C-alpha atoms as a PDB file:
ATOM      1  CA  MET A   1       0.000   0.000   0.000  1.00  0.00           C
ATOM      2  CA  ASN A   2       1.430   3.380  -0.927  1.00  0.00           C
ATOM      3  CA  THR A   3       1.484   6.303   1.483  1.00  0.00           C
ATOM      4  CA  THR A   4      -1.446   8.115  -0.145  1.00  0.00           C
ATOM      5  CA  ASP A   5      -3.656   5.032   0.181  1.00  0.00           C
ATOM      6  CA  PHE A   6      -2.465   4.544   3.755  1.00  0.00           C
ATOM      7  CA  ILE A   7      -3.363   8.145   4.704  1.00  0.00           C
ATOM      8  CA  HIS A   8      -6.756   7.777   2.980  1.00  0.00           C
ATOM      9  CA  ASP A   9      -7.494   4.570   4.904  1.00  0.00           C
ATOM     10  CA  LEU A  10      -6.324   6.179   8.133  1.00  0.00           C
ATOM     11  CA  THR A  11      -8.491   9.290   7.697  1.00  0.00           C
ATOM     12  CA  SER A  12     -11.480   7.056   6.902  1.00  0.00           C
ATOM     13  CA  TRP A  13     -10.866   5.136  10.121  1.00  0.00           C
ATOM     14  CA  ILE A  14     -10.483   8.387  12.088  1.00  0.00           C
ATOM     15  CA  ASP A  15     -13.721   9.747  10.604  1.00  0.00           C
ATOM     16  CA  LYS A  16     -15.583   6.601  11.727  1.00  0.00           C
ATOM     17  CA  ASN A  17     -14.155   6.796  15.255  1.00  0.00           C
ATOM     18  CA  LEU A  18     -14.500  10.482  16.095  1.00  0.00           C
ATOM     19  CA  GLU A  19     -17.047  10.080  18.845  1.00  0.00           C
ATOM     20  CA  GLY A  20     -15.317   9.547  22.132  1.00  0.00           C
ATOM     21  CA  ARG A  21     -11.672   9.798  23.050  1.00  0.00           C
ATOM     22  CA  LEU A  22      -9.441   9.738  19.987  1.00  0.00           C
ATOM     23  CA  ASP A  23      -5.901  10.976  20.405  1.00  0.00           C
ATOM     24  CA  ILE A  24      -2.577  10.729  18.616  1.00  0.00           C
ATOM     25  CA  ASN A  25      -1.438   7.734  20.676  1.00  0.00           C
ATOM     26  CA  THR A  26      -4.571   5.768  19.753  1.00  0.00           C
ATOM     27  CA  VAL A  27      -4.229   6.623  16.063  1.00  0.00           C
ATOM     28  CA  ALA A  28      -0.509   5.773  16.035  1.00  0.00           C
ATOM     29  CA  GLU A  29      -1.217   2.419  17.673  1.00  0.00           C
ATOM     30  CA  ARG A  30      -3.891   1.683  15.077  1.00  0.00           C
ATOM     31  CA  ALA A  31      -1.567   2.754  12.253  1.00  0.00           C
ATOM     32  CA  GLY A  32       1.375   0.744  13.498  1.00  0.00           C
ATOM     33  CA  TYR A  33       3.821   3.649  13.383  1.00  0.00           C
ATOM     34  CA  SER A  34       5.462   5.742  16.063  1.00  0.00           C
ATOM     35  CA  LYS A  35       3.440   8.852  16.789  1.00  0.00           C
ATOM     36  CA  TRP A  36       6.371  11.038  15.714  1.00  0.00           C
ATOM     37  CA  TYR A  37       6.731   9.366  12.310  1.00  0.00           C
ATOM     38  CA  LEU A  38       2.974   9.202  11.764  1.00  0.00           C
ATOM     39  CA  GLN A  39       2.514  12.901  12.555  1.00  0.00           C
ATOM     40  CA  ARG A  40       5.310  13.868  10.167  1.00  0.00           C
ATOM     41  CA  MET A  41       3.906  11.667   7.381  1.00  0.00           C
ATOM     42  CA  PHE A  42       0.336  12.877   7.984  1.00  0.00           C
ATOM     43  CA  LYS A  43       1.330  16.563   7.837  1.00  0.00           C
ATOM     44  CA  GLN A  44       3.344  15.976   4.680  1.00  0.00           C
ATOM     45  CA  HIS A  45       0.373  14.407   2.886  1.00  0.00           C
ATOM     46  CA  THR A  46      -2.558  16.437   4.232  1.00  0.00           C
ATOM     47  CA  GLY A  47      -1.062  19.818   5.091  1.00  0.00           C
ATOM     48  CA  SER A  48      -2.420  19.666   8.635  1.00  0.00           C
ATOM     49  CA  THR A  49      -1.282  17.922  11.754  1.00  0.00           C
ATOM     50  CA  LEU A  50      -3.085  14.859  12.986  1.00  0.00           C
ATOM     51  CA  GLY A  51      -4.325  16.789  16.010  1.00  0.00           C
ATOM     52  CA  GLU A  52      -5.651  19.629  13.837  1.00  0.00           C
ATOM     53  CA  TYR A  53      -7.436  17.149  11.573  1.00  0.00           C
ATOM     54  CA  ILE A  54      -9.095  15.314  14.467  1.00  0.00           C
ATOM     55  CA  ARG A  55     -10.055  18.546  16.259  1.00  0.00           C
ATOM     56  CA  ALA A  56     -11.563  20.115  13.112  1.00  0.00           C
ATOM     57  CA  LYS A  57     -13.574  16.978  12.331  1.00  0.00           C
ATOM     58  CA  LYS A  58     -14.871  16.711  15.909  1.00  0.00           C
ATOM     59  CA  LEU A  59     -15.834  20.382  15.963  1.00  0.00           C
ATOM     60  CA  ASN A  60     -17.682  20.079  12.648  1.00  0.00           C
ATOM     61  CA  ILE A  61     -19.674  17.138  14.027  1.00  0.00           C
ATOM     62  CA  SER A  62     -20.390  19.064  17.211  1.00  0.00           C
ATOM     63  CA  ALA A  63     -21.594  22.086  15.220  1.00  0.00           C
ATOM     64  CA  GLN A  64     -24.062  19.848  13.363  1.00  0.00           C
ATOM     65  CA  ARG A  65     -25.250  18.222  16.581  1.00  0.00           C
ATOM     66  CA  LEU A  66     -25.792  21.591  18.250  1.00  0.00           C
ATOM     67  CA  VAL A  67     -28.104  22.664  15.462  1.00  0.00           C
ATOM     68  CA  ASN A  68     -29.857  19.377  14.771  1.00  0.00           C
ATOM     69  CA  SER A  69     -30.496  18.235  18.323  1.00  0.00           C
ATOM     70  CA  GLY A  70     -31.597  19.667  21.597  1.00  0.00           C
ATOM     71  CA  GLU A  71     -28.673  18.006  23.359  1.00  0.00           C
ATOM     72  CA  PRO A  72     -27.081  20.046  26.114  1.00  0.00           C
ATOM     73  CA  ILE A  73     -23.739  21.519  25.076  1.00  0.00           C
ATOM     74  CA  ALA A  74     -21.921  19.627  27.838  1.00  0.00           C
ATOM     75  CA  ASN A  75     -23.268  16.317  26.481  1.00  0.00           C
ATOM     76  CA  VAL A  76     -22.053  17.148  22.974  1.00  0.00           C
ATOM     77  CA  ALA A  77     -18.624  18.048  24.369  1.00  0.00           C
ATOM     78  CA  ILE A  78     -18.317  14.843  26.387  1.00  0.00           C
ATOM     79  CA  ALA A  79     -19.608  12.662  23.532  1.00  0.00           C
ATOM     80  CA  LEU A  80     -16.822  13.985  21.320  1.00  0.00           C
ATOM     81  CA  GLY A  81     -14.101  13.361  23.867  1.00  0.00           C
ATOM     82  CA  TYR A  82     -13.635  16.780  25.435  1.00  0.00           C
ATOM     83  CA  GLU A  83     -12.763  16.610  29.102  1.00  0.00           C
ATOM     84  CA  SER A  84     -14.708  19.735  29.994  1.00  0.00           C
ATOM     85  CA  LYS A  85     -17.266  22.108  28.599  1.00  0.00           C
ATOM     86  CA  GLN A  86     -14.717  24.922  28.987  1.00  0.00           C
ATOM     87  CA  SER A  87     -12.091  23.269  26.765  1.00  0.00           C
ATOM     88  CA  PHE A  88     -14.809  22.485  24.227  1.00  0.00           C
ATOM     89  CA  ASN A  89     -16.001  26.112  24.281  1.00  0.00           C
ATOM     90  CA  ARG A  90     -12.452  27.393  23.695  1.00  0.00           C
ATOM     91  CA  SER A  91     -11.816  25.036  20.776  1.00  0.00           C
ATOM     92  CA  PHE A  92     -15.223  25.715  19.269  1.00  0.00           C
ATOM     93  CA  LYS A  93     -14.788  29.486  19.486  1.00  0.00           C
ATOM     94  CA  ARG A  94     -11.306  29.251  17.966  1.00  0.00           C
ATOM     95  CA  GLN A  95     -12.681  27.362  14.945  1.00  0.00           C
ATOM     96  CA  PHE A  96     -16.055  29.074  14.436  1.00  0.00           C
ATOM     97  CA  GLY A  97     -15.553  32.515  15.994  1.00  0.00           C
ATOM     98  CA  GLN A  98     -18.348  32.115  18.536  1.00  0.00           C
ATOM     99  CA  THR A  99     -19.275  29.957  21.477  1.00  0.00           C
ATOM    100  CA  PRO A 100     -21.354  26.800  20.964  1.00  0.00           C
ATOM    101  CA  GLY A 101     -24.341  28.472  22.658  1.00  0.00           C
ATOM    102  CA  ASP A 102     -24.142  31.532  20.396  1.00  0.00           C
ATOM    103  CA  TRP A 103     -23.725  29.233  17.369  1.00  0.00           C
ATOM    104  CA  ARG A 104     -26.876  27.305  18.268  1.00  0.00           C
ATOM    105  CA  LYS A 105     -28.903  30.488  18.884  1.00  0.00           C
ATOM    106  CA  ALA A 106     -27.749  32.126  15.641  1.00  0.00           C
ATOM    107  CA  LEU A 107     -28.624  29.095  13.519  1.00  0.00           C
ATOM    108  CA  HIS A 108     -31.985  28.650  15.236  1.00  0.00           C
ATOM    109  CA  ARG A 109     -32.775  32.309  14.461  1.00  0.00           C
ATOM    110  CA  GLN A 110     -31.800  31.783  10.817  1.00  0.00           C
ATOM    111  CA  THR A 111     -34.010  28.708  10.618  1.00  0.00           C
ATOM    112  CA  GLU A 112     -36.939  30.562  12.207  1.00  0.00           C
ATOM    113  CA  CYS A 113     -36.520  33.517   9.842  1.00  0.00           C
ATOM    114  CA  ALA A 114     -36.425  31.203   6.828  1.00  0.00           C
ATOM    115  CA  ALA A 115     -39.550  29.390   8.020  1.00  0.00           C
ATOM    116  CA  HIS A 116     -41.456  32.670   8.361  1.00  0.00           C
ATOM    117  CA  SER A 117     -40.422  33.998   4.952  1.00  0.00           C
END
């Protein structure tokens, strides 16, 4: 298997295992490479670090869940492997420019406005 196929298979596996605790050690163990080598190879082929990739994917899932469910924010954070609501809020705000609560409110307002148009 060439490196491109390997990275594709690995990202597919990551995408299927995003819910819950997923860290670099777990991914490296699954891949069969040292975490240092795997991170270097991953960055070379994707342009982002393994941690950035996992974090962005988890935050995108959380953004969808916040809009499509009435789940409490803390439950969404815990389901996606964040240790606290505060660390989730910081990561979410860094990626989307607003807190999860503000994100949910803004999208609910947009949905309500579209429904009344």
